[in-house]
PDB file of N, CA and C in Angstrom:
ATOM      1  N   UNK A   1     -16.004  44.747  44.327  1.00  0.00           N
ATOM      2  CA  UNK A   1     -15.516  44.815  42.763  1.00  0.00           C
ATOM      3  C   UNK A   1     -16.571  45.346  42.225  1.00  0.00           C
ATOM      4  N   UNK A   2     -16.556  46.407  41.127  1.00  0.00           N
ATOM      5  CA  UNK A   2     -17.635  46.860  40.420  1.00  0.00           C
ATOM      6  C   UNK A   2     -18.090  46.057  39.221  1.00  0.00           C
ATOM      7  N   UNK A   3     -19.117  46.338  38.584  1.00  0.00           N
ATOM      8  CA  UNK A   3     -19.549  45.376  37.542  1.00  0.00           C
ATOM      9  C   UNK A   3     -18.701  45.509  36.366  1.00  0.00           C
ATOM     10  N   UNK A   4     -17.760  46.799  36.068  1.00  0.00           N
ATOM     11  CA  UNK A   4     -16.838  46.936  35.279  1.00  0.00           C
ATOM     12  C   UNK A   4     -15.548  46.128  35.601  1.00  0.00           C
ATOM     13  N   UNK A   5     -15.203  46.128  36.606  1.00  0.00           N
ATOM     14  CA  UNK A   5     -14.320  45.124  37.087  1.00  0.00           C
ATOM     15  C   UNK A   5     -14.342  43.923  36.598  1.00  0.00           C
ATOM     16  N   UNK A   6     -15.514  43.588  37.150  1.00  0.00           N
ATOM     17  CA  UNK A   6     -16.033  41.979  36.745  1.00  0.00           C
ATOM     18  C   UNK A   6     -16.051  41.516  35.526  1.00  0.00           C
ATOM     19  N   UNK A   7     -16.667  42.628  34.568  1.00  0.00           N
ATOM     20  CA  UNK A   7     -16.499  42.585  33.013  1.00  0.00           C
ATOM     21  C   UNK A   7     -15.138  42.423  32.608  1.00  0.00           C
ATOM     22  N   UNK A   8     -14.050  43.080  33.120  1.00  0.00           N
ATOM     23  CA  UNK A   8     -12.927  42.764  32.663  1.00  0.00           C
ATOM     24  C   UNK A   8     -12.100  41.504  32.768  1.00  0.00           C
ATOM     25  N   UNK A   9     -12.610  41.465  34.188  1.00  0.00           N
ATOM     26  CA  UNK A   9     -12.062  39.903  34.592  1.00  0.00           C
ATOM     27  C   UNK A   9     -12.384  38.784  33.933  1.00  0.00           C
ATOM     28  N   UNK A  10     -13.630  38.650  33.321  1.00  0.00           N
ATOM     29  CA  UNK A  10     -14.161  38.113  32.489  1.00  0.00           C
ATOM     30  C   UNK A  10     -13.427  37.893  31.288  1.00  0.00           C
ATOM     31  N   UNK A  11     -13.387  39.137  30.570  1.00  0.00           N
ATOM     32  CA  UNK A  11     -12.765  39.296  29.291  1.00  0.00           C
ATOM     33  C   UNK A  11     -11.142  38.921  29.316  1.00  0.00           C
ATOM     34  N   UNK A  12     -10.455  38.818  30.428  1.00  0.00           N
ATOM     35  CA  UNK A  12      -9.086  38.738  30.185  1.00  0.00           C
ATOM     36  C   UNK A  12      -9.113  36.967  30.694  1.00  0.00           C
ATOM     37  N   UNK A  13     -10.058  36.521  31.341  1.00  0.00           N
ATOM     38  CA  UNK A  13     -10.155  35.123  31.697  1.00  0.00           C
ATOM     39  C   UNK A  13     -10.384  34.437  30.243  1.00  0.00           C
ATOM     40  N   UNK A  14     -11.283  34.909  29.463  1.00  0.00           N
ATOM     41  CA  UNK A  14     -11.724  34.029  28.258  1.00  0.00           C
ATOM     42  C   UNK A  14     -10.854  34.390  26.848  1.00  0.00           C
ATOM     43  N   UNK A  15      -9.646  35.068  27.165  1.00  0.00           N
ATOM     44  CA  UNK A  15      -8.919  35.478  26.493  1.00  0.00           C
ATOM     45  C   UNK A  15      -8.802  37.052  25.664  1.00  0.00           C
ATOM     46  N   UNK A  16      -9.577  37.939  26.063  1.00  0.00           N
ATOM     47  CA  UNK A  16      -9.577  38.876  25.222  1.00  0.00           C
ATOM     48  C   UNK A  16      -8.624  40.005  25.620  1.00  0.00           C
ATOM     49  N   UNK A  17      -7.974  40.850  25.074  1.00  0.00           N
ATOM     50  CA  UNK A  17      -6.916  41.805  25.591  1.00  0.00           C
ATOM     51  C   UNK A  17      -7.780  43.060  25.821  1.00  0.00           C
ATOM     52  N   UNK A  18      -8.991  43.245  25.634  1.00  0.00           N
ATOM     53  CA  UNK A  18      -9.692  44.744  25.802  1.00  0.00           C
ATOM     54  C   UNK A  18     -11.053  44.422  26.346  1.00  0.00           C
ATOM     55  N   UNK A  19     -11.094  44.799  27.506  1.00  0.00           N
ATOM     56  CA  UNK A  19     -12.491  44.485  28.143  1.00  0.00           C
ATOM     57  C   UNK A  19     -13.770  45.336  27.309  1.00  0.00           C
ATOM     58  N   UNK A  20     -13.351  46.291  26.503  1.00  0.00           N
ATOM     59  CA  UNK A  20     -14.399  47.044  25.678  1.00  0.00           C
ATOM     60  C   UNK A  20     -14.503  46.075  24.460  1.00  0.00           C
ATOM     61  N   UNK A  21     -13.443  45.537  23.916  1.00  0.00           N
ATOM     62  CA  UNK A  21     -14.110  44.654  22.541  1.00  0.00           C
ATOM     63  C   UNK A  21     -14.959  43.606  22.897  1.00  0.00           C
ATOM     64  N   UNK A  22     -14.556  43.072  24.252  1.00  0.00           N
ATOM     65  CA  UNK A  22     -15.514  41.847  25.167  1.00  0.00           C
ATOM     66  C   UNK A  22     -17.001  42.149  24.960  1.00  0.00           C
ATOM     67  N   UNK A  23     -16.852  43.430  25.663  1.00  0.00           N
ATOM     68  CA  UNK A  23     -18.389  43.754  26.017  1.00  0.00           C
ATOM     69  C   UNK A  23     -18.888  44.115  24.629  1.00  0.00           C
ATOM     70  N   UNK A  24     -18.542  44.674  23.298  1.00  0.00           N
ATOM     71  CA  UNK A  24     -19.130  44.837  22.145  1.00  0.00           C
ATOM     72  C   UNK A  24     -19.274  43.520  21.425  1.00  0.00           C
ATOM     73  N   UNK A  25     -18.521  42.491  21.483  1.00  0.00           N
ATOM     74  CA  UNK A  25     -18.699  41.359  20.687  1.00  0.00           C
ATOM     75  C   UNK A  25     -19.990  40.664  21.564  1.00  0.00           C
ATOM     76  N   UNK A  26     -20.048  40.556  22.993  1.00  0.00           N
ATOM     77  CA  UNK A  26     -21.024  39.966  23.880  1.00  0.00           C
ATOM     78  C   UNK A  26     -22.509  40.988  23.528  1.00  0.00           C
ATOM     79  N   UNK A  27     -22.587  42.093  23.521  1.00  0.00           N
ATOM     80  CA  UNK A  27     -23.527  42.637  23.141  1.00  0.00           C
ATOM     81  C   UNK A  27     -24.093  42.515  21.650  1.00  0.00           C
ATOM     82  N   UNK A  28     -23.192  42.319  20.763  1.00  0.00           N
ATOM     83  CA  UNK A  28     -23.593  41.753  19.533  1.00  0.00           C
ATOM     84  C   UNK A  28     -24.503  40.287  19.512  1.00  0.00           C
ATOM     85  N   UNK A  29     -23.558  39.323  20.004  1.00  0.00           N
ATOM     86  CA  UNK A  29     -23.933  38.188  20.301  1.00  0.00           C
ATOM     87  C   UNK A  29     -25.441  37.854  20.906  1.00  0.00           C
ATOM     88  N   UNK A  30     -25.401  38.365  22.347  1.00  0.00           N
ATOM     89  CA  UNK A  30     -26.751  38.086  23.270  1.00  0.00           C
ATOM     90  C   UNK A  30     -27.627  39.064  23.421  1.00  0.00           C
ATOM     91  N   UNK A  31     -27.374  40.499  22.547  1.00  0.00           N
ATOM     92  CA  UNK A  31     -28.329  41.602  22.414  1.00  0.00           C
ATOM     93  C   UNK A  31     -28.102  42.545  23.843  1.00  0.00           C
ATOM     94  N   UNK A  32     -27.566  42.333  24.475  1.00  0.00           N
ATOM     95  CA  UNK A  32     -27.230  43.400  25.803  1.00  0.00           C
ATOM     96  C   UNK A  32     -26.184  42.777  26.311  1.00  0.00           C
ATOM     97  N   UNK A  33     -25.646  43.893  27.187  1.00  0.00           N
ATOM     98  CA  UNK A  33     -23.970  43.902  27.981  1.00  0.00           C
ATOM     99  C   UNK A  33     -23.883  43.025  28.696  1.00  0.00           C
ATOM    100  N   UNK A  34     -22.682  42.671  28.889  1.00  0.00           N
ATOM    101  CA  UNK A  34     -22.258  41.332  29.781  1.00  0.00           C
ATOM    102  C   UNK A  34     -22.849  41.725  31.170  1.00  0.00           C
ATOM    103  N   UNK A  35     -22.488  43.189  31.889  1.00  0.00           N
ATOM    104  CA  UNK A  35     -23.249  43.801  33.079  1.00  0.00           C
ATOM    105  C   UNK A  35     -24.445  43.614  33.505  1.00  0.00           C
ATOM    106  N   UNK A  36     -25.297  43.871  32.283  1.00  0.00           N
ATOM    107  CA  UNK A  36     -26.638  43.804  32.248  1.00  0.00           C
ATOM    108  C   UNK A  36     -27.039  42.280  32.581  1.00  0.00           C
ATOM    109  N   UNK A  37     -26.376  41.593  31.623  1.00  0.00           N
ATOM    110  CA  UNK A  37     -26.870  40.226  31.817  1.00  0.00           C
ATOM    111  C   UNK A  37     -26.459  39.463  33.206  1.00  0.00           C
ATOM    112  N   UNK A  38     -25.334  40.190  33.729  1.00  0.00           N
ATOM    113  CA  UNK A  38     -25.062  39.440  34.967  1.00  0.00           C
ATOM    114  C   UNK A  38     -26.012  39.857  36.108  1.00  0.00           C
ATOM    115  N   UNK A  39     -26.400  41.017  36.005  1.00  0.00           N
ATOM    116  CA  UNK A  39     -27.494  41.498  36.938  1.00  0.00           C
ATOM    117  C   UNK A  39     -28.772  40.607  36.774  1.00  0.00           C
ATOM    118  N   UNK A  40     -29.153  40.414  35.535  1.00  0.00           N
ATOM    119  CA  UNK A  40     -30.427  39.797  35.057  1.00  0.00           C
ATOM    120  C   UNK A  40     -30.394  38.221  35.690  1.00  0.00           C
ATOM    121  N   UNK A  41     -29.027  37.602  35.486  1.00  0.00           N
ATOM    122  CA  UNK A  41     -28.952  35.973  35.887  1.00  0.00           C
ATOM    123  C   UNK A  41     -28.992  36.212  37.560  1.00  0.00           C
ATOM    124  N   UNK A  42     -28.191  37.269  37.983  1.00  0.00           N
ATOM    125  CA  UNK A  42     -28.274  37.376  39.610  1.00  0.00           C
ATOM    126  C   UNK A  42     -29.425  37.314  40.149  1.00  0.00           C
ATOM    127  N   UNK A  43     -30.333  38.298  39.610  1.00  0.00           N
ATOM    128  CA  UNK A  43     -31.799  38.371  40.132  1.00  0.00           C
ATOM    129  C   UNK A  43     -32.563  37.059  40.215  1.00  0.00           C
ATOM    130  N   UNK A  44     -32.394  36.578  38.819  1.00  0.00           N
ATOM    131  CA  UNK A  44     -33.302  35.556  38.567  1.00  0.00           C
ATOM    132  C   UNK A  44     -33.025  34.206  39.594  1.00  0.00           C
ATOM    133  N   UNK A  45     -31.470  34.253  40.190  1.00  0.00           N
ATOM    134  CA  UNK A  45     -30.871  33.220  40.666  1.00  0.00           C
ATOM    135  C   UNK A  45     -31.695  33.591  42.422  1.00  0.00           C
ATOM    136  N   UNK A  46     -31.568  34.835  42.403  1.00  0.00           N
ATOM    137  CA  UNK A  46     -31.982  35.065  43.928  1.00  0.00           C
ATOM    138  C   UNK A  46     -33.409  34.878  44.057  1.00  0.00           C
ATOM    139  N   UNK A  47     -34.343  35.012  42.774  1.00  0.00           N
ATOM    140  CA  UNK A  47     -35.642  34.660  43.128  1.00  0.00           C
ATOM    141  C   UNK A  47     -35.959  33.078  42.994  1.00  0.00           C
ATOM    142  N   UNK A  48     -35.189  32.343  42.588  1.00  0.00           N
ATOM    143  CA  UNK A  48     -35.255  30.890  42.537  1.00  0.00           C
ATOM    144  C   UNK A  48     -34.874  30.577  43.644  1.00  0.00           C
ATOM    145  N   UNK A  49     -34.029  31.074  44.541  1.00  0.00           N
ATOM    146  CA  UNK A  49     -33.412  30.661  45.776  1.00  0.00           C
ATOM    147  C   UNK A  49     -34.602  30.885  46.945  1.00  0.00           C
ATOM    148  N   UNK A  50     -35.502  32.301  46.657  1.00  0.00           N
ATOM    149  CA  UNK A  50     -36.185  32.389  47.631  1.00  0.00           C
ATOM    150  C   UNK A  50     -37.442  31.624  47.521  1.00  0.00           C
ATOM    151  N   UNK A  51     -37.694  30.865  46.262  1.00  0.00           N
ATOM    152  CA  UNK A  51     -39.085  30.118  46.149  1.00  0.00           C
ATOM    153  C   UNK A  51     -39.110  28.931  46.794  1.00  0.00           C
ATOM    154  N   UNK A  52     -39.882  28.510  47.502  1.00  0.00           N
ATOM    155  CA  UNK A  52     -39.986  27.020  48.006  1.00  0.00           C
ATOM    156  C   UNK A  52     -39.800  25.733  47.105  1.00  0.00           C
TER     157      UNK A  52
END
């Protein structure tokens, strides 16, 4: 599944009819697009799991 598909899935799950509208509002609220946030969180999670 691609990042765009993931964002669309989340958008529909939280009630948006349009993934692009969800992305715009997400960026306004958090300062970066949802796909970038997902990658950042995934990397942080991977690093914390690697730490003893």
